[in-house]
Amino acid sequence: MPVRKFRSVEAMSQPHWRRPGDPALYAAMAGLWEMGTRIQKRRFPPGVHRHRSVQDMNAAVEQWHREHIAQYSQR
């Protein structure tokens, strides 16, 4: 990430907007997504899951959430 210099504190609070189509915009978006996946891993197993009812699906999702929370509480 490039280092930016500011002349005043007020200039620091101004957002740095990028125009649509700017290659730096796509690089910033890719970096943000990559950082997000490193910080917060997937909470559910990949793939398609079939359930007999909505209640079974909700129970499975709740179990995934409990496992996800348990993963972070063990650290």
PDB file of N, CA and C in Angstrom:
ATOM      1  N   MET A   1       0.847  -1.169   0.000  1.00  0.00           N
ATOM      2  CA  MET A   1       0.000   0.000   0.000  1.00  0.00           C
ATOM      3  C   MET A   1       0.894   1.234   0.000  1.00  0.00           C
ATOM      4  N   PRO A   2       0.582   2.188  -0.867  1.00  0.00           N
ATOM      5  CA  PRO A   2       1.441   3.368  -0.954  1.00  0.00           C
ATOM      6  C   PRO A   2       1.308   4.263   0.279  1.00  0.00           C
ATOM      7  N   VAL A   3       2.365   4.990   0.556  1.00  0.00           N
ATOM      8  CA  VAL A   3       2.372   5.945   1.661  1.00  0.00           C
ATOM      9  C   VAL A   3       1.929   7.294   1.120  1.00  0.00           C
ATOM     10  N   ARG A   4       0.979   7.909   1.819  1.00  0.00           N
ATOM     11  CA  ARG A   4       0.505   9.228   1.405  1.00  0.00           C
ATOM     12  C   ARG A   4       0.890  10.248   2.463  1.00  0.00           C
ATOM     13  N   LYS A   5       1.286  11.439   2.009  1.00  0.00           N
ATOM     14  CA  LYS A   5       1.649  12.523   2.928  1.00  0.00           C
ATOM     15  C   LYS A   5       0.522  13.541   2.973  1.00  0.00           C
ATOM     16  N   PHE A   6       0.320  14.103   4.139  1.00  0.00           N
ATOM     17  CA  PHE A   6      -0.718  15.108   4.328  1.00  0.00           C
ATOM     18  C   PHE A   6      -0.092  16.379   4.878  1.00  0.00           C
ATOM     19  N   ARG A   7      -0.629  17.505   4.473  1.00  0.00           N
ATOM     20  CA  ARG A   7      -0.147  18.796   4.952  1.00  0.00           C
ATOM     21  C   ARG A   7      -0.862  19.228   6.233  1.00  0.00           C
ATOM     22  N   SER A   8      -2.047  18.660   6.491  1.00  0.00           N
ATOM     23  CA  SER A   8      -2.792  19.030   7.686  1.00  0.00           C
ATOM     24  C   SER A   8      -3.644  17.849   8.145  1.00  0.00           C
ATOM     25  N   VAL A   9      -4.135  17.954   9.374  1.00  0.00           N
ATOM     26  CA  VAL A   9      -4.993  16.911   9.925  1.00  0.00           C
ATOM     27  C   VAL A   9      -6.323  16.880   9.175  1.00  0.00           C
ATOM     28  N   GLU A  10      -6.808  18.027   8.732  1.00  0.00           N
ATOM     29  CA  GLU A  10      -8.073  18.081   8.003  1.00  0.00           C
ATOM     30  C   GLU A  10      -7.988  17.301   6.697  1.00  0.00           C
ATOM     31  N   ALA A  11      -6.836  17.338   6.063  1.00  0.00           N
ATOM     32  CA  ALA A  11      -6.676  16.603   4.808  1.00  0.00           C
ATOM     33  C   ALA A  11      -6.727  15.096   5.036  1.00  0.00           C
ATOM     34  N   MET A  12      -6.384  14.647   6.233  1.00  0.00           N
ATOM     35  CA  MET A  12      -6.427  13.218   6.537  1.00  0.00           C
ATOM     36  C   MET A  12      -7.852  12.681   6.557  1.00  0.00           C
ATOM     37  N   SER A  13      -8.790  13.506   6.974  1.00  0.00           N
ATOM     38  CA  SER A  13     -10.161  13.035   7.110  1.00  0.00           C
ATOM     39  C   SER A  13     -10.910  13.018   5.783  1.00  0.00           C
ATOM     40  N   GLN A  14     -10.334  13.562   4.733  1.00  0.00           N
ATOM     41  CA  GLN A  14     -10.983  13.560   3.427  1.00  0.00           C
ATOM     42  C   GLN A  14     -10.844  12.176   2.786  1.00  0.00           C
ATOM     43  N   PRO A  15     -11.959  11.606   2.292  1.00  0.00           N
ATOM     44  CA  PRO A  15     -11.864  10.278   1.661  1.00  0.00           C
ATOM     45  C   PRO A  15     -11.090  10.352   0.349  1.00  0.00           C
ATOM     46  N   HIS A  16     -10.463   9.255   0.021  1.00  0.00           N
ATOM     47  CA  HIS A  16      -9.707   9.157  -1.231  1.00  0.00           C
ATOM     48  C   HIS A  16     -10.551   8.332  -2.197  1.00  0.00           C
ATOM     49  N   TRP A  17     -11.307   9.008  -3.064  1.00  0.00           N
ATOM     50  CA  TRP A  17     -12.200   8.327  -3.989  1.00  0.00           C
ATOM     51  C   TRP A  17     -11.479   7.970  -5.266  1.00  0.00           C
ATOM     52  N   ARG A  18     -11.843   6.843  -5.829  1.00  0.00           N
ATOM     53  CA  ARG A  18     -11.306   6.418  -7.120  1.00  0.00           C
ATOM     54  C   ARG A  18     -12.453   6.384  -8.126  1.00  0.00           C
ATOM     55  N   ARG A  19     -12.158   6.699  -9.359  1.00  0.00           N
ATOM     56  CA  ARG A  19     -13.180   6.719 -10.398  1.00  0.00           C
ATOM     57  C   ARG A  19     -13.453   5.306 -10.913  1.00  0.00           C
ATOM     58  N   PRO A  20     -14.690   5.017 -11.331  1.00  0.00           N
ATOM     59  CA  PRO A  20     -14.979   3.710 -11.940  1.00  0.00           C
ATOM     60  C   PRO A  20     -14.081   3.477 -13.144  1.00  0.00           C
ATOM     61  N   GLY A  21     -13.550   2.276 -13.244  1.00  0.00           N
ATOM     62  CA  GLY A  21     -12.640   1.935 -14.335  1.00  0.00           C
ATOM     63  C   GLY A  21     -11.182   2.144 -13.999  1.00  0.00           C
ATOM     64  N   ASP A  22     -10.889   2.795 -12.888  1.00  0.00           N
ATOM     65  CA  ASP A  22      -9.504   3.028 -12.468  1.00  0.00           C
ATOM     66  C   ASP A  22      -8.908   1.701 -12.000  1.00  0.00           C
ATOM     67  N   PRO A  23      -7.769   1.270 -12.545  1.00  0.00           N
ATOM     68  CA  PRO A  23      -7.164   0.011 -12.108  1.00  0.00           C
ATOM     69  C   PRO A  23      -6.845  -0.004 -10.609  1.00  0.00           C
ATOM     70  N   ALA A  24      -6.566   1.137 -10.032  1.00  0.00           N
ATOM     71  CA  ALA A  24      -6.284   1.191  -8.598  1.00  0.00           C
ATOM     72  C   ALA A  24      -7.536   0.859  -7.785  1.00  0.00           C
ATOM     73  N   LEU A  25      -8.719   1.159  -8.327  1.00  0.00           N
ATOM     74  CA  LEU A  25      -9.967   0.819  -7.651  1.00  0.00           C
ATOM     75  C   LEU A  25     -10.101  -0.693  -7.536  1.00  0.00           C
ATOM     76  N   TYR A  26      -9.834  -1.398  -8.626  1.00  0.00           N
ATOM     77  CA  TYR A  26      -9.952  -2.848  -8.609  1.00  0.00           C
ATOM     78  C   TYR A  26      -8.901  -3.479  -7.700  1.00  0.00           C
ATOM     79  N   ALA A  27      -7.721  -2.918  -7.679  1.00  0.00           N
ATOM     80  CA  ALA A  27      -6.679  -3.426  -6.783  1.00  0.00           C
ATOM     81  C   ALA A  27      -7.077  -3.207  -5.323  1.00  0.00           C
ATOM     82  N   ALA A  28      -7.662  -2.048  -5.022  1.00  0.00           N
ATOM     83  CA  ALA A  28      -8.111  -1.776  -3.655  1.00  0.00           C
ATOM     84  C   ALA A  28      -9.239  -2.718  -3.256  1.00  0.00           C
ATOM     85  N   MET A  29     -10.169  -2.969  -4.173  1.00  0.00           N
ATOM     86  CA  MET A  29     -11.271  -3.891  -3.885  1.00  0.00           C
ATOM     87  C   MET A  29     -10.748  -5.309  -3.661  1.00  0.00           C
ATOM     88  N   ALA A  30      -9.817  -5.749  -4.483  1.00  0.00           N
ATOM     89  CA  ALA A  30      -9.253  -7.086  -4.336  1.00  0.00           C
ATOM     90  C   ALA A  30      -8.510  -7.209  -3.011  1.00  0.00           C
ATOM     91  N   GLY A  31      -7.779  -6.179  -2.632  1.00  0.00           N
ATOM     92  CA  GLY A  31      -7.071  -6.202  -1.351  1.00  0.00           C
ATOM     93  C   GLY A  31      -8.025  -6.254  -0.180  1.00  0.00           C
ATOM     94  N   LEU A  32      -9.120  -5.525  -0.268  1.00  0.00           N
ATOM     95  CA  LEU A  32     -10.116  -5.530   0.797  1.00  0.00           C
ATOM     96  C   LEU A  32     -10.775  -6.898   0.932  1.00  0.00           C
ATOM     97  N   TRP A  33     -11.135  -7.506  -0.189  1.00  0.00           N
ATOM     98  CA  TRP A  33     -11.744  -8.843  -0.144  1.00  0.00           C
ATOM     99  C   TRP A  33     -10.758  -9.870   0.397  1.00  0.00           C
ATOM    100  N   GLU A  34      -9.506  -9.778  -0.003  1.00  0.00           N
ATOM    101  CA  GLU A  34      -8.493 -10.728   0.461  1.00  0.00           C
ATOM    102  C   GLU A  34      -8.280 -10.589   1.965  1.00  0.00           C
ATOM    103  N   MET A  35      -8.227  -9.356   2.446  1.00  0.00           N
ATOM    104  CA  MET A  35      -8.060  -9.129   3.874  1.00  0.00           C
ATOM    105  C   MET A  35      -9.275  -9.664   4.641  1.00  0.00           C
ATOM    106  N   GLY A  36     -10.459  -9.450   4.101  1.00  0.00           N
ATOM    107  CA  GLY A  36     -11.675  -9.942   4.746  1.00  0.00           C
ATOM    108  C   GLY A  36     -11.706 -11.449   4.857  1.00  0.00           C
ATOM    109  N   THR A  37     -11.252 -12.147   3.826  1.00  0.00           N
ATOM    110  CA  THR A  37     -11.238 -13.612   3.891  1.00  0.00           C
ATOM    111  C   THR A  37     -10.180 -14.117   4.870  1.00  0.00           C
ATOM    112  N   ARG A  38      -9.087 -13.375   5.028  1.00  0.00           N
ATOM    113  CA  ARG A  38      -8.084 -13.786   6.015  1.00  0.00           C
ATOM    114  C   ARG A  38      -8.575 -13.550   7.437  1.00  0.00           C
ATOM    115  N   ILE A  39      -9.276 -12.454   7.648  1.00  0.00           N
ATOM    116  CA  ILE A  39      -9.745 -12.116   8.998  1.00  0.00           C
ATOM    117  C   ILE A  39     -10.928 -12.982   9.404  1.00  0.00           C
ATOM    118  N   GLN A  40     -11.895 -13.131   8.521  1.00  0.00           N
ATOM    119  CA  GLN A  40     -13.128 -13.834   8.847  1.00  0.00           C
ATOM    120  C   GLN A  40     -13.289 -15.005   7.892  1.00  0.00           C
ATOM    121  N   LYS A  41     -12.987 -16.187   8.359  1.00  0.00           N
ATOM    122  CA  LYS A  41     -13.104 -17.368   7.522  1.00  0.00           C
ATOM    123  C   LYS A  41     -14.569 -17.715   7.304  1.00  0.00           C
ATOM    124  N   ARG A  42     -14.802 -18.609   6.368  1.00  0.00           N
ATOM    125  CA  ARG A  42     -16.148 -19.043   6.023  1.00  0.00           C
ATOM    126  C   ARG A  42     -16.825 -19.679   7.229  1.00  0.00           C
ATOM    127  N   ARG A  43     -18.082 -19.360   7.434  1.00  0.00           N
ATOM    128  CA  ARG A  43     -18.814 -19.849   8.593  1.00  0.00           C
ATOM    129  C   ARG A  43     -19.585 -21.126   8.318  1.00  0.00           C
ATOM    130  N   PHE A  44     -19.648 -21.550   7.105  1.00  0.00           N
ATOM    131  CA  PHE A  44     -20.435 -22.725   6.770  1.00  0.00           C
ATOM    132  C   PHE A  44     -19.654 -23.594   5.796  1.00  0.00           C
ATOM    133  N   PRO A  45     -19.932 -24.892   5.799  1.00  0.00           N
ATOM    134  CA  PRO A  45     -19.217 -25.767   4.873  1.00  0.00           C
ATOM    135  C   PRO A  45     -19.636 -25.486   3.432  1.00  0.00           C
ATOM    136  N   PRO A  46     -18.707 -25.598   2.497  1.00  0.00           N
ATOM    137  CA  PRO A  46     -19.038 -25.315   1.101  1.00  0.00           C
ATOM    138  C   PRO A  46     -19.945 -26.389   0.513  1.00  0.00           C
ATOM    139  N   GLY A  47     -20.616 -26.041  -0.538  1.00  0.00           N
ATOM    140  CA  GLY A  47     -21.450 -27.002  -1.248  1.00  0.00           C
ATOM    141  C   GLY A  47     -22.926 -26.727  -1.086  1.00  0.00           C
ATOM    142  N   VAL A  48     -23.724 -27.595  -1.713  1.00  0.00           N
ATOM    143  CA  VAL A  48     -25.180 -27.495  -1.651  1.00  0.00           C
ATOM    144  C   VAL A  48     -25.663 -28.460  -0.578  1.00  0.00           C
ATOM    145  N   HIS A  49     -26.527 -27.991   0.281  1.00  0.00           N
ATOM    146  CA  HIS A  49     -27.023 -28.798   1.389  1.00  0.00           C
ATOM    147  C   HIS A  49     -28.535 -28.942   1.267  1.00  0.00           C
ATOM    148  N   ARG A  50     -29.005 -30.161   1.342  1.00  0.00           N
ATOM    149  CA  ARG A  50     -30.440 -30.414   1.266  1.00  0.00           C
ATOM    150  C   ARG A  50     -30.956 -30.705   2.666  1.00  0.00           C
ATOM    151  N   HIS A  51     -32.137 -30.190   2.939  1.00  0.00           N
ATOM    152  CA  HIS A  51     -32.761 -30.397   4.247  1.00  0.00           C
ATOM    153  C   HIS A  51     -34.207 -30.817   4.034  1.00  0.00           C
ATOM    154  N   ARG A  52     -34.735 -31.575   4.963  1.00  0.00           N
ATOM    155  CA  ARG A  52     -36.125 -32.039   4.851  1.00  0.00           C
ATOM    156  C   ARG A  52     -37.123 -30.920   5.124  1.00  0.00           C
ATOM    157  N   SER A  53     -36.739 -29.962   5.946  1.00  0.00           N
ATOM    158  CA  SER A  53     -37.656 -28.873   6.289  1.00  0.00           C
ATOM    159  C   SER A  53     -36.863 -27.614   6.596  1.00  0.00           C
ATOM    160  N   VAL A  54     -37.586 -26.527   6.710  1.00  0.00           N
ATOM    161  CA  VAL A  54     -36.962 -25.256   7.065  1.00  0.00           C
ATOM    162  C   VAL A  54     -36.391 -25.344   8.475  1.00  0.00           C
ATOM    163  N   GLN A  55     -37.050 -26.050   9.356  1.00  0.00           N
ATOM    164  CA  GLN A  55     -36.567 -26.205  10.726  1.00  0.00           C
ATOM    165  C   GLN A  55     -35.239 -26.965  10.749  1.00  0.00           C
ATOM    166  N   ASP A  56     -35.116 -28.012   9.913  1.00  0.00           N
ATOM    167  CA  ASP A  56     -33.839 -28.738   9.827  1.00  0.00           C
ATOM    168  C   ASP A  56     -32.739 -27.839   9.288  1.00  0.00           C
ATOM    169  N   MET A  57     -33.076 -27.018   8.304  1.00  0.00           N
ATOM    170  CA  MET A  57     -32.089 -26.090   7.751  1.00  0.00           C
ATOM    171  C   MET A  57     -31.649 -25.083   8.810  1.00  0.00           C
ATOM    172  N   ASN A  58     -32.611 -24.524   9.545  1.00  0.00           N
ATOM    173  CA  ASN A  58     -32.272 -23.561  10.590  1.00  0.00           C
ATOM    174  C   ASN A  58     -31.413 -24.204  11.673  1.00  0.00           C
ATOM    175  N   ALA A  59     -31.695 -25.461  12.024  1.00  0.00           N
ATOM    176  CA  ALA A  59     -30.888 -26.157  13.022  1.00  0.00           C
ATOM    177  C   ALA A  59     -29.457 -26.353  12.517  1.00  0.00           C
ATOM    178  N   ALA A  60     -29.306 -26.688  11.228  1.00  0.00           N
ATOM    179  CA  ALA A  60     -27.964 -26.871  10.664  1.00  0.00           C
ATOM    180  C   ALA A  60     -27.192 -25.548  10.668  1.00  0.00           C
ATOM    181  N   VAL A  61     -27.853 -24.467  10.301  1.00  0.00           N
ATOM    182  CA  VAL A  61     -27.193 -23.157  10.287  1.00  0.00           C
ATOM    183  C   VAL A  61     -26.794 -22.754  11.699  1.00  0.00           C
ATOM    184  N   GLU A  62     -27.669 -23.003  12.659  1.00  0.00           N
ATOM    185  CA  GLU A  62     -27.341 -22.705  14.059  1.00  0.00           C
ATOM    186  C   GLU A  62     -26.116 -23.509  14.507  1.00  0.00           C
ATOM    187  N   GLN A  63     -26.041 -24.761  14.102  1.00  0.00           N
ATOM    188  CA  GLN A  63     -24.885 -25.593  14.451  1.00  0.00           C
ATOM    189  C   GLN A  63     -23.613 -25.021  13.832  1.00  0.00           C
ATOM    190  N   TRP A  64     -23.687 -24.554  12.594  1.00  0.00           N
ATOM    191  CA  TRP A  64     -22.518 -23.950  11.942  1.00  0.00           C
ATOM    192  C   TRP A  64     -22.081 -22.702  12.700  1.00  0.00           C
ATOM    193  N   HIS A  65     -23.052 -21.912  13.144  1.00  0.00           N
ATOM    194  CA  HIS A  65     -22.719 -20.705  13.905  1.00  0.00           C
ATOM    195  C   HIS A  65     -22.072 -21.070  15.246  1.00  0.00           C
ATOM    196  N   ARG A  66     -22.599 -22.082  15.918  1.00  0.00           N
ATOM    197  CA  ARG A  66     -22.002 -22.511  17.198  1.00  0.00           C
ATOM    198  C   ARG A  66     -20.570 -22.987  17.000  1.00  0.00           C
ATOM    199  N   GLU A  67     -20.329 -23.749  15.946  1.00  0.00           N
ATOM    200  CA  GLU A  67     -18.973 -24.222  15.659  1.00  0.00           C
ATOM    201  C   GLU A  67     -18.047 -23.052  15.337  1.00  0.00           C
ATOM    202  N   HIS A  68     -18.571 -22.083  14.612  1.00  0.00           N
ATOM    203  CA  HIS A  68     -17.766 -20.905  14.261  1.00  0.00           C
ATOM    204  C   HIS A  68     -17.387 -20.126  15.516  1.00  0.00           C
ATOM    205  N   ILE A  69     -18.333 -19.936  16.417  1.00  0.00           N
ATOM    206  CA  ILE A  69     -18.069 -19.214  17.661  1.00  0.00           C
ATOM    207  C   ILE A  69     -17.107 -19.998  18.537  1.00  0.00           C
ATOM    208  N   ALA A  70     -17.275 -21.322  18.596  1.00  0.00           N
ATOM    209  CA  ALA A  70     -16.384 -22.153  19.393  1.00  0.00           C
ATOM    210  C   ALA A  70     -14.956 -22.095  18.875  1.00  0.00           C
ATOM    211  N   GLN A  71     -14.806 -21.985  17.566  1.00  0.00           N
ATOM    212  CA  GLN A  71     -13.468 -21.888  16.965  1.00  0.00           C
ATOM    213  C   GLN A  71     -12.726 -20.664  17.496  1.00  0.00           C
ATOM    214  N   TYR A  72     -13.418 -19.537  17.621  1.00  0.00           N
ATOM    215  CA  TYR A  72     -12.778 -18.314  18.078  1.00  0.00           C
ATOM    216  C   TYR A  72     -12.663 -18.232  19.583  1.00  0.00           C
ATOM    217  N   SER A  73     -13.505 -18.936  20.303  1.00  0.00           N
ATOM    218  CA  SER A  73     -13.413 -18.888  21.766  1.00  0.00           C
ATOM    219  C   SER A  73     -12.280 -19.779  22.280  1.00  0.00           C
ATOM    220  N   GLN A  74     -11.773 -20.698  21.455  1.00  0.00           N
ATOM    221  CA  GLN A  74     -10.676 -21.575  21.871  1.00  0.00           C
ATOM    222  C   GLN A  74      -9.323 -20.896  21.728  1.00  0.00           C
ATOM    223  N   ARG A  75      -9.263 -19.789  21.062  1.00  0.00           N
ATOM    224  CA  ARG A  75      -7.975 -19.104  20.827  1.00  0.00           C
ATOM    225  C   ARG A  75      -7.444 -18.465  22.056  1.00  0.00           C
TER     226      ARG A  75
END
